[in-house]
Amino acid sequence: MVETKTQQIGDVTVVEISGRLHLGNSLSYAENAINKLIDGGTSKLVIDLARLDYIDSSGLGMLIFCGGRMQQNGGQMRVAGAAGGVARVFEIANANRILQFDDDLASACQNLSGQSAAG
């Protein structure tokens, strides 16, 4: 089961994803939540994975896809707090070539707040 919580920190929208992000209904649920924000005009987005226990290649693909959608819409997305096995999946996939990572939520928000939406 995956859960998402959305909050606003200044001009940055934060989506906290917790639980297990893998192929199935939970993945669709999380993707729909993020896509609604993108479609709604969010320009600065942080995906907080500090409480995520597990991610598979489908979850990774979804995050990459959402990051691409943010860029197409003129926004920026950062991924914060990935640790343990979740961080290892990103490392194996060389996801840092595509996604921007921060150690924690505060760093991610600071990195986005210091930039204009266009980058």
N, C-alpha and C. Protein backbone atom coordinates (compact mmCIF):
# COMPACT_ATOMS: atom_id res chain seq x y z
N MET A 1 0.85 -1.20 0.00
CA MET A 1 0.00 0.00 0.00
C MET A 1 0.88 1.24 0.00
N VAL A 2 0.49 2.19 -0.78
CA VAL A 2 1.22 3.45 -0.84
C VAL A 2 0.29 4.57 -0.38
N GLU A 3 0.86 5.57 0.25
CA GLU A 3 0.09 6.74 0.67
C GLU A 3 0.79 7.98 0.17
N THR A 4 0.00 8.99 -0.18
CA THR A 4 0.58 10.27 -0.56
C THR A 4 -0.03 11.36 0.31
N LYS A 5 0.81 12.31 0.68
CA LYS A 5 0.37 13.50 1.42
C LYS A 5 0.95 14.70 0.70
N THR A 6 0.14 15.70 0.47
CA THR A 6 0.59 16.90 -0.21
C THR A 6 0.57 18.08 0.74
N GLN A 7 1.63 18.89 0.68
CA GLN A 7 1.69 20.11 1.48
C GLN A 7 2.40 21.19 0.68
N GLN A 8 2.20 22.41 1.09
CA GLN A 8 2.83 23.56 0.45
C GLN A 8 3.86 24.14 1.40
N ILE A 9 5.10 24.30 0.94
CA ILE A 9 6.15 24.96 1.73
C ILE A 9 6.63 26.14 0.90
N GLY A 10 6.15 27.33 1.26
CA GLY A 10 6.46 28.50 0.45
C GLY A 10 5.87 28.32 -0.94
N ASP A 11 6.71 28.47 -1.97
CA ASP A 11 6.22 28.31 -3.34
C ASP A 11 6.48 26.91 -3.89
N VAL A 12 6.85 25.98 -3.00
CA VAL A 12 7.15 24.61 -3.39
C VAL A 12 6.04 23.67 -2.93
N THR A 13 5.56 22.84 -3.84
CA THR A 13 4.57 21.81 -3.51
C THR A 13 5.33 20.53 -3.19
N VAL A 14 4.99 19.90 -2.07
CA VAL A 14 5.67 18.68 -1.64
C VAL A 14 4.67 17.53 -1.63
N VAL A 15 5.05 16.42 -2.28
CA VAL A 15 4.26 15.20 -2.22
C VAL A 15 5.10 14.16 -1.47
N GLU A 16 4.63 13.78 -0.30
CA GLU A 16 5.30 12.73 0.47
C GLU A 16 4.69 11.39 0.07
N ILE A 17 5.55 10.48 -0.37
CA ILE A 17 5.09 9.14 -0.73
C ILE A 17 5.65 8.17 0.29
N SER A 18 4.75 7.40 0.92
CA SER A 18 5.19 6.43 1.92
C SER A 18 4.62 5.06 1.59
N GLY A 19 5.28 4.04 2.12
CA GLY A 19 4.84 2.67 1.88
C GLY A 19 5.66 2.00 0.79
N ARG A 20 4.96 1.35 -0.14
CA ARG A 20 5.62 0.59 -1.20
C ARG A 20 5.12 1.08 -2.56
N LEU A 21 6.03 1.55 -3.40
CA LEU A 21 5.67 2.07 -4.72
C LEU A 21 6.09 1.04 -5.76
N HIS A 22 5.10 0.28 -6.26
CA HIS A 22 5.40 -0.78 -7.20
C HIS A 22 4.24 -0.95 -8.18
N LEU A 23 4.46 -1.75 -9.20
CA LEU A 23 3.47 -1.97 -10.24
C LEU A 23 2.14 -2.37 -9.63
N GLY A 24 1.07 -1.72 -10.08
CA GLY A 24 -0.26 -2.03 -9.58
C GLY A 24 -1.04 -0.78 -9.26
N ASN A 25 -2.11 -0.97 -8.51
CA ASN A 25 -3.00 0.15 -8.19
C ASN A 25 -2.30 1.25 -7.41
N SER A 26 -1.37 0.88 -6.52
CA SER A 26 -0.70 1.89 -5.71
C SER A 26 0.12 2.83 -6.58
N LEU A 27 0.72 2.29 -7.62
CA LEU A 27 1.51 3.12 -8.53
C LEU A 27 0.60 4.11 -9.26
N SER A 28 -0.53 3.62 -9.76
CA SER A 28 -1.48 4.49 -10.46
C SER A 28 -2.00 5.59 -9.54
N TYR A 29 -2.26 5.23 -8.30
CA TYR A 29 -2.75 6.20 -7.32
C TYR A 29 -1.74 7.33 -7.13
N ALA A 30 -0.49 6.98 -6.92
CA ALA A 30 0.55 7.99 -6.70
C ALA A 30 0.76 8.82 -7.96
N GLU A 31 0.80 8.17 -9.12
CA GLU A 31 1.00 8.88 -10.38
C GLU A 31 -0.13 9.87 -10.64
N ASN A 32 -1.36 9.45 -10.40
CA ASN A 32 -2.50 10.35 -10.60
C ASN A 32 -2.43 11.56 -9.68
N ALA A 33 -2.01 11.36 -8.44
CA ALA A 33 -1.89 12.47 -7.50
C ALA A 33 -0.86 13.50 -7.99
N ILE A 34 0.27 13.00 -8.50
CA ILE A 34 1.31 13.90 -9.00
C ILE A 34 0.86 14.59 -10.29
N ASN A 35 0.24 13.82 -11.19
CA ASN A 35 -0.21 14.41 -12.46
C ASN A 35 -1.27 15.48 -12.27
N LYS A 36 -2.14 15.33 -11.28
CA LYS A 36 -3.14 16.37 -10.98
C LYS A 36 -2.45 17.68 -10.61
N LEU A 37 -1.38 17.59 -9.84
CA LEU A 37 -0.64 18.79 -9.44
C LEU A 37 0.02 19.44 -10.66
N ILE A 38 0.64 18.61 -11.51
CA ILE A 38 1.29 19.13 -12.72
C ILE A 38 0.25 19.80 -13.62
N ASP A 39 -0.87 19.12 -13.84
CA ASP A 39 -1.94 19.66 -14.69
C ASP A 39 -2.54 20.92 -14.09
N GLY A 40 -2.48 21.04 -12.76
CA GLY A 40 -3.01 22.21 -12.07
C GLY A 40 -2.08 23.41 -12.08
N GLY A 41 -0.90 23.25 -12.68
CA GLY A 41 0.01 24.38 -12.82
C GLY A 41 1.14 24.45 -11.81
N THR A 42 1.33 23.41 -11.01
CA THR A 42 2.45 23.40 -10.07
C THR A 42 3.76 23.54 -10.84
N SER A 43 4.61 24.47 -10.43
CA SER A 43 5.88 24.68 -11.16
C SER A 43 7.10 24.24 -10.37
N LYS A 44 6.95 24.07 -9.06
CA LYS A 44 8.06 23.61 -8.22
C LYS A 44 7.55 22.46 -7.35
N LEU A 45 8.08 21.27 -7.61
CA LEU A 45 7.57 20.07 -6.98
C LEU A 45 8.69 19.26 -6.36
N VAL A 46 8.50 18.84 -5.11
CA VAL A 46 9.43 17.92 -4.45
C VAL A 46 8.68 16.63 -4.15
N ILE A 47 9.27 15.51 -4.56
CA ILE A 47 8.74 14.21 -4.20
C ILE A 47 9.58 13.73 -3.01
N ASP A 48 8.96 13.67 -1.84
CA ASP A 48 9.65 13.29 -0.61
C ASP A 48 9.50 11.79 -0.38
N LEU A 49 10.61 11.06 -0.47
CA LEU A 49 10.59 9.61 -0.34
C LEU A 49 11.18 9.13 0.99
N ALA A 50 11.31 10.01 1.95
CA ALA A 50 11.93 9.65 3.23
C ALA A 50 11.19 8.50 3.93
N ARG A 51 9.90 8.37 3.69
CA ARG A 51 9.13 7.31 4.34
C ARG A 51 8.75 6.18 3.39
N LEU A 52 9.40 6.15 2.21
CA LEU A 52 9.13 5.08 1.25
C LEU A 52 9.99 3.87 1.60
N ASP A 53 9.35 2.71 1.70
CA ASP A 53 10.04 1.48 2.09
C ASP A 53 10.58 0.70 0.89
N TYR A 54 9.91 0.83 -0.25
CA TYR A 54 10.26 -0.01 -1.40
C TYR A 54 9.84 0.68 -2.69
N ILE A 55 10.65 0.53 -3.73
CA ILE A 55 10.30 1.01 -5.05
C ILE A 55 10.81 -0.02 -6.06
N ASP A 56 10.02 -0.28 -7.11
CA ASP A 56 10.49 -1.17 -8.16
C ASP A 56 10.72 -0.34 -9.43
N SER A 57 11.05 -1.02 -10.52
CA SER A 57 11.36 -0.30 -11.76
C SER A 57 10.16 0.48 -12.29
N SER A 58 8.96 -0.01 -12.02
CA SER A 58 7.75 0.71 -12.44
C SER A 58 7.62 2.04 -11.69
N GLY A 59 7.92 2.01 -10.40
CA GLY A 59 7.89 3.24 -9.60
C GLY A 59 8.94 4.22 -10.07
N LEU A 60 10.13 3.71 -10.37
CA LEU A 60 11.21 4.55 -10.90
C LEU A 60 10.78 5.18 -12.22
N GLY A 61 10.21 4.37 -13.10
CA GLY A 61 9.75 4.88 -14.39
C GLY A 61 8.70 5.96 -14.24
N MET A 62 7.79 5.77 -13.30
CA MET A 62 6.75 6.77 -13.06
C MET A 62 7.36 8.09 -12.62
N LEU A 63 8.34 8.04 -11.72
CA LEU A 63 8.99 9.29 -11.26
C LEU A 63 9.71 9.98 -12.41
N ILE A 64 10.38 9.21 -13.25
CA ILE A 64 11.07 9.79 -14.41
C ILE A 64 10.06 10.43 -15.36
N PHE A 65 8.95 9.74 -15.61
CA PHE A 65 7.90 10.27 -16.48
C PHE A 65 7.34 11.58 -15.92
N CYS A 66 7.06 11.61 -14.62
CA CYS A 66 6.51 12.82 -14.00
C CYS A 66 7.52 13.96 -14.04
N GLY A 67 8.80 13.65 -13.84
CA GLY A 67 9.84 14.67 -13.96
C GLY A 67 9.88 15.26 -15.36
N GLY A 68 9.72 14.41 -16.36
CA GLY A 68 9.68 14.88 -17.75
C GLY A 68 8.48 15.76 -18.01
N ARG A 69 7.34 15.39 -17.47
CA ARG A 69 6.13 16.21 -17.63
C ARG A 69 6.31 17.58 -16.99
N MET A 70 6.96 17.59 -15.82
CA MET A 70 7.22 18.88 -15.15
C MET A 70 8.07 19.77 -16.05
N GLN A 71 9.12 19.22 -16.63
CA GLN A 71 9.99 20.00 -17.51
C GLN A 71 9.23 20.49 -18.74
N GLN A 72 8.42 19.64 -19.34
CA GLN A 72 7.63 20.03 -20.52
C GLN A 72 6.70 21.19 -20.19
N ASN A 73 6.23 21.23 -18.95
CA ASN A 73 5.32 22.30 -18.53
C ASN A 73 6.06 23.51 -17.96
N GLY A 74 7.38 23.52 -18.07
CA GLY A 74 8.17 24.66 -17.61
C GLY A 74 8.47 24.64 -16.12
N GLY A 75 8.25 23.52 -15.46
CA GLY A 75 8.49 23.44 -14.02
C GLY A 75 9.72 22.61 -13.70
N GLN A 76 9.94 22.43 -12.41
CA GLN A 76 11.07 21.64 -11.92
C GLN A 76 10.61 20.68 -10.85
N MET A 77 11.21 19.51 -10.83
CA MET A 77 10.91 18.51 -9.82
C MET A 77 12.20 17.98 -9.23
N ARG A 78 12.21 17.79 -7.91
CA ARG A 78 13.35 17.20 -7.22
C ARG A 78 12.84 16.04 -6.37
N VAL A 79 13.71 15.07 -6.14
CA VAL A 79 13.38 13.92 -5.31
C VAL A 79 14.21 14.01 -4.04
N ALA A 80 13.54 13.93 -2.90
CA ALA A 80 14.23 14.11 -1.61
C ALA A 80 14.09 12.88 -0.73
N GLY A 81 15.11 12.64 0.09
CA GLY A 81 15.03 11.70 1.18
C GLY A 81 15.13 10.22 0.84
N ALA A 82 15.50 9.88 -0.39
CA ALA A 82 15.62 8.46 -0.73
C ALA A 82 16.77 7.86 0.08
N ALA A 83 16.51 6.72 0.71
CA ALA A 83 17.52 6.08 1.55
C ALA A 83 17.42 4.57 1.42
N GLY A 84 18.45 3.88 1.87
CA GLY A 84 18.44 2.42 1.91
C GLY A 84 18.22 1.79 0.55
N GLY A 85 17.31 0.82 0.52
CA GLY A 85 17.02 0.10 -0.71
C GLY A 85 16.44 0.97 -1.80
N VAL A 86 15.68 1.99 -1.41
CA VAL A 86 15.10 2.92 -2.39
C VAL A 86 16.22 3.69 -3.09
N ALA A 87 17.16 4.21 -2.31
CA ALA A 87 18.30 4.94 -2.89
C ALA A 87 19.12 4.01 -3.78
N ARG A 88 19.24 2.76 -3.38
CA ARG A 88 20.02 1.79 -4.15
C ARG A 88 19.40 1.55 -5.53
N VAL A 89 18.08 1.51 -5.62
CA VAL A 89 17.42 1.36 -6.93
C VAL A 89 17.79 2.52 -7.83
N PHE A 90 17.75 3.74 -7.30
CA PHE A 90 18.11 4.92 -8.10
C PHE A 90 19.57 4.85 -8.53
N GLU A 91 20.42 4.40 -7.61
CA GLU A 91 21.85 4.31 -7.89
C GLU A 91 22.14 3.30 -9.01
N ILE A 92 21.54 2.12 -8.91
CA ILE A 92 21.74 1.08 -9.93
C ILE A 92 21.28 1.55 -11.30
N ALA A 93 20.18 2.28 -11.33
CA ALA A 93 19.60 2.75 -12.60
C ALA A 93 20.25 4.04 -13.11
N ASN A 94 21.24 4.56 -12.38
CA ASN A 94 21.85 5.85 -12.73
C ASN A 94 20.79 6.94 -12.92
N ALA A 95 19.80 6.93 -12.05
CA ALA A 95 18.69 7.87 -12.16
C ALA A 95 19.13 9.32 -11.97
N ASN A 96 20.30 9.52 -11.36
CA ASN A 96 20.78 10.90 -11.16
C ASN A 96 21.11 11.58 -12.49
N ARG A 97 21.14 10.84 -13.57
CA ARG A 97 21.34 11.44 -14.89
C ARG A 97 20.06 12.11 -15.38
N ILE A 98 18.92 11.70 -14.80
CA ILE A 98 17.62 12.17 -15.27
C ILE A 98 16.90 12.99 -14.21
N LEU A 99 16.95 12.52 -12.97
CA LEU A 99 16.26 13.17 -11.86
C LEU A 99 17.26 13.92 -10.98
N GLN A 100 16.76 14.93 -10.29
CA GLN A 100 17.59 15.69 -9.36
C GLN A 100 17.26 15.23 -7.94
N PHE A 101 18.31 14.84 -7.19
CA PHE A 101 18.13 14.28 -5.86
C PHE A 101 18.70 15.20 -4.78
N ASP A 102 18.03 15.19 -3.63
CA ASP A 102 18.51 15.89 -2.45
C ASP A 102 18.42 14.94 -1.27
N ASP A 103 19.31 15.14 -0.28
CA ASP A 103 19.34 14.27 0.89
C ASP A 103 18.08 14.36 1.73
N ASP A 104 17.49 15.56 1.77
CA ASP A 104 16.31 15.73 2.62
C ASP A 104 15.38 16.79 2.04
N LEU A 105 14.21 16.88 2.61
CA LEU A 105 13.17 17.79 2.15
C LEU A 105 13.62 19.25 2.21
N ALA A 106 14.27 19.63 3.31
CA ALA A 106 14.71 21.02 3.46
C ALA A 106 15.66 21.43 2.35
N SER A 107 16.60 20.56 2.01
CA SER A 107 17.56 20.86 0.93
C SER A 107 16.85 20.99 -0.41
N ALA A 108 15.91 20.10 -0.67
CA ALA A 108 15.18 20.13 -1.94
C ALA A 108 14.38 21.42 -2.07
N CYS A 109 13.70 21.81 -1.01
CA CYS A 109 12.91 23.05 -1.04
C CYS A 109 13.82 24.26 -1.22
N GLN A 110 14.95 24.25 -0.54
CA GLN A 110 15.90 25.36 -0.66
C GLN A 110 16.42 25.44 -2.10
N ASN A 111 16.75 24.31 -2.70
CA ASN A 111 17.25 24.30 -4.06
C ASN A 111 16.22 24.81 -5.06
N LEU A 112 14.95 24.50 -4.84
CA LEU A 112 13.91 24.97 -5.74
C LEU A 112 13.53 26.42 -5.47
N SER A 113 13.48 26.83 -4.21
CA SER A 113 13.08 28.19 -3.88
C SER A 113 14.08 29.21 -4.38
N GLY A 114 15.34 28.81 -4.48
CA GLY A 114 16.37 29.71 -4.95
C GLY A 114 16.41 29.88 -6.46
N GLN A 115 15.50 29.20 -7.16
CA GLN A 115 15.50 29.23 -8.61
C GLN A 115 14.13 29.68 -9.11
N SER A 116 14.12 30.26 -10.28
CA SER A 116 12.84 30.56 -10.91
C SER A 116 12.30 29.26 -11.48
N ALA A 117 11.02 29.21 -11.76
CA ALA A 117 10.40 27.98 -12.27
C ALA A 117 11.04 27.59 -13.60
N ALA A 118 11.48 28.53 -14.37
CA ALA A 118 12.08 28.22 -15.67
C ALA A 118 13.49 27.69 -15.53
N GLY A 119 14.10 27.87 -14.36
CA GLY A 119 15.40 27.30 -14.10
C GLY A 119 16.50 28.22 -14.46
